[in-house]
């Protein structure tokens, strides 16, 4: 089963500003999230039920 990765308009705008090498790594992370949205670290507190995936130096929530 494949999932859909939803980006907020601000996130889409910021993606266009990334260097190409980091942009490619972020795109690979999005592809991995589309296959398994539960990879990464489980968040607690206000963001409980969500996960974060680190793509150094950025974090995808």
N, C-alpha and C. Protein backbone atom coordinates (compact mmCIF):
# COMPACT_ATOMS: atom_id res chain seq x y z
N UNK A 1 0.84 -1.18 0.00
CA UNK A 1 0.00 0.00 0.00
C UNK A 1 0.89 1.24 0.00
N UNK A 2 0.56 2.19 -0.83
CA UNK A 2 1.32 3.43 -0.91
C UNK A 2 0.51 4.56 -0.29
N UNK A 3 1.18 5.39 0.49
CA UNK A 3 0.54 6.53 1.14
C UNK A 3 0.86 7.81 0.37
N UNK A 4 0.16 8.87 0.70
CA UNK A 4 0.37 10.17 0.07
C UNK A 4 1.10 11.08 1.05
N UNK A 5 2.16 11.71 0.60
CA UNK A 5 2.90 12.68 1.42
C UNK A 5 2.33 14.05 1.11
N UNK A 6 1.77 14.70 2.12
CA UNK A 6 1.13 16.01 1.97
C UNK A 6 2.09 17.10 2.45
N UNK A 7 2.31 18.10 1.61
CA UNK A 7 3.18 19.23 1.97
C UNK A 7 2.35 20.50 2.08
N UNK A 8 2.60 21.25 3.13
CA UNK A 8 1.97 22.55 3.27
C UNK A 8 2.59 23.51 2.27
N UNK A 9 1.87 24.56 1.85
CA UNK A 9 2.41 25.51 0.87
C UNK A 9 3.76 26.11 1.29
N UNK A 10 3.93 26.40 2.56
CA UNK A 10 5.20 26.95 3.03
C UNK A 10 6.35 25.96 2.87
N UNK A 11 6.05 24.68 3.10
CA UNK A 11 7.07 23.64 2.95
C UNK A 11 7.47 23.49 1.48
N UNK A 12 6.49 23.56 0.59
CA UNK A 12 6.80 23.48 -0.85
C UNK A 12 7.72 24.63 -1.27
N UNK A 13 7.45 25.80 -0.75
CA UNK A 13 8.26 26.98 -1.08
C UNK A 13 9.69 26.80 -0.56
N UNK A 14 9.82 26.29 0.66
CA UNK A 14 11.14 26.09 1.25
C UNK A 14 11.93 25.02 0.50
N UNK A 15 11.25 24.01 -0.02
CA UNK A 15 11.93 22.96 -0.78
C UNK A 15 12.65 23.52 -2.00
N UNK A 16 12.07 24.53 -2.62
CA UNK A 16 12.69 25.10 -3.82
C UNK A 16 13.99 25.83 -3.48
N UNK A 17 14.20 26.15 -2.22
CA UNK A 17 15.39 26.88 -1.80
C UNK A 17 16.54 25.96 -1.37
N UNK A 18 16.28 24.66 -1.28
CA UNK A 18 17.30 23.72 -0.81
C UNK A 18 18.37 23.50 -1.88
N UNK A 19 19.61 23.27 -1.45
CA UNK A 19 20.65 22.86 -2.41
C UNK A 19 20.25 21.52 -3.04
N UNK A 20 20.66 21.29 -4.27
CA UNK A 20 20.24 20.11 -5.02
C UNK A 20 20.60 18.80 -4.31
N UNK A 21 21.77 18.72 -3.67
CA UNK A 21 22.15 17.46 -3.01
C UNK A 21 21.22 17.15 -1.84
N UNK A 22 20.83 18.16 -1.09
CA UNK A 22 19.91 17.95 0.03
C UNK A 22 18.50 17.71 -0.49
N UNK A 23 18.11 18.42 -1.54
CA UNK A 23 16.79 18.24 -2.15
C UNK A 23 16.60 16.78 -2.57
N UNK A 24 17.62 16.19 -3.14
CA UNK A 24 17.55 14.79 -3.55
C UNK A 24 17.36 13.86 -2.37
N UNK A 25 18.06 14.13 -1.27
CA UNK A 25 17.92 13.30 -0.07
C UNK A 25 16.52 13.44 0.53
N UNK A 26 15.97 14.65 0.49
CA UNK A 26 14.62 14.87 1.01
C UNK A 26 13.60 14.14 0.13
N UNK A 27 13.79 14.16 -1.18
CA UNK A 27 12.88 13.45 -2.09
C UNK A 27 12.91 11.95 -1.82
N UNK A 28 14.10 11.40 -1.55
CA UNK A 28 14.21 9.97 -1.21
C UNK A 28 13.49 9.68 0.09
N UNK A 29 13.58 10.60 1.05
CA UNK A 29 12.88 10.43 2.33
C UNK A 29 11.37 10.45 2.11
N UNK A 30 10.88 11.34 1.24
CA UNK A 30 9.45 11.37 0.93
C UNK A 30 9.00 10.05 0.30
N UNK A 31 9.82 9.50 -0.59
CA UNK A 31 9.49 8.23 -1.22
C UNK A 31 9.42 7.11 -0.17
N UNK A 32 10.35 7.12 0.78
CA UNK A 32 10.33 6.13 1.85
C UNK A 32 9.10 6.30 2.73
N UNK A 33 8.71 7.54 3.00
CA UNK A 33 7.52 7.81 3.81
C UNK A 33 6.25 7.36 3.10
N UNK A 34 6.23 7.44 1.79
CA UNK A 34 5.06 7.00 1.03
C UNK A 34 4.86 5.49 1.14
N UNK A 35 5.95 4.77 1.35
CA UNK A 35 5.87 3.32 1.51
C UNK A 35 5.56 2.95 2.96
N UNK A 36 6.24 3.61 3.91
CA UNK A 36 6.05 3.32 5.34
C UNK A 36 6.04 4.63 6.12
N UNK A 37 4.87 5.17 6.44
CA UNK A 37 4.81 6.46 7.13
C UNK A 37 5.24 6.40 8.59
N UNK A 38 5.54 5.21 9.11
CA UNK A 38 5.89 5.07 10.52
C UNK A 38 7.39 4.91 10.74
N UNK A 39 8.20 5.19 9.73
CA UNK A 39 9.65 5.18 9.94
C UNK A 39 10.02 6.45 10.69
N UNK A 40 11.12 6.42 11.34
CA UNK A 40 11.55 7.60 12.09
C UNK A 40 11.21 7.48 13.56
N UNK A 41 11.33 8.58 14.24
CA UNK A 41 11.14 8.64 15.69
C UNK A 41 9.72 9.07 16.02
N UNK A 42 9.08 8.35 16.94
CA UNK A 42 7.72 8.69 17.37
C UNK A 42 7.77 9.89 18.30
N UNK A 43 6.90 10.86 18.06
CA UNK A 43 6.88 12.08 18.87
C UNK A 43 5.93 11.93 20.05
N UNK A 44 6.15 12.76 21.07
CA UNK A 44 5.35 12.74 22.29
C UNK A 44 4.80 14.13 22.56
N UNK A 45 3.94 14.23 23.55
CA UNK A 45 3.41 15.54 23.95
C UNK A 45 2.42 16.07 22.93
N UNK A 46 2.60 17.33 22.57
CA UNK A 46 1.68 18.01 21.65
C UNK A 46 1.58 17.31 20.30
N UNK A 47 2.67 16.68 19.87
CA UNK A 47 2.71 16.03 18.56
C UNK A 47 2.57 14.51 18.66
N UNK A 48 1.99 14.02 19.74
CA UNK A 48 1.84 12.58 19.93
C UNK A 48 1.04 11.98 18.77
N UNK A 49 1.50 10.84 18.31
CA UNK A 49 0.85 10.18 17.18
C UNK A 49 1.49 10.52 15.85
N UNK A 50 2.44 11.47 15.86
CA UNK A 50 3.16 11.83 14.64
C UNK A 50 4.59 11.32 14.75
N UNK A 51 5.26 11.29 13.62
CA UNK A 51 6.64 10.80 13.56
C UNK A 51 7.52 11.86 12.93
N UNK A 52 8.80 11.81 13.26
CA UNK A 52 9.77 12.71 12.67
C UNK A 52 10.86 11.89 12.00
N UNK A 53 11.30 12.35 10.87
CA UNK A 53 12.37 11.69 10.13
C UNK A 53 13.47 12.70 9.90
N UNK A 54 14.68 12.35 10.30
CA UNK A 54 15.81 13.26 10.20
C UNK A 54 16.50 13.10 8.85
N UNK A 55 16.62 14.19 8.13
CA UNK A 55 17.40 14.27 6.89
C UNK A 55 18.36 15.42 7.12
N UNK A 56 19.51 15.09 7.69
CA UNK A 56 20.43 16.12 8.17
C UNK A 56 20.71 17.17 7.11
N UNK A 57 20.64 18.43 7.44
CA UNK A 57 20.38 19.07 8.73
C UNK A 57 18.91 19.41 8.96
N UNK A 58 18.00 18.74 8.28
CA UNK A 58 16.58 19.05 8.38
C UNK A 58 15.82 17.92 9.06
N UNK A 59 14.60 18.23 9.47
CA UNK A 59 13.72 17.25 10.10
C UNK A 59 12.36 17.31 9.40
N UNK A 60 11.86 16.15 9.04
CA UNK A 60 10.54 16.06 8.41
C UNK A 60 9.57 15.56 9.46
N UNK A 61 8.47 16.28 9.63
CA UNK A 61 7.45 15.87 10.61
C UNK A 61 6.20 15.50 9.84
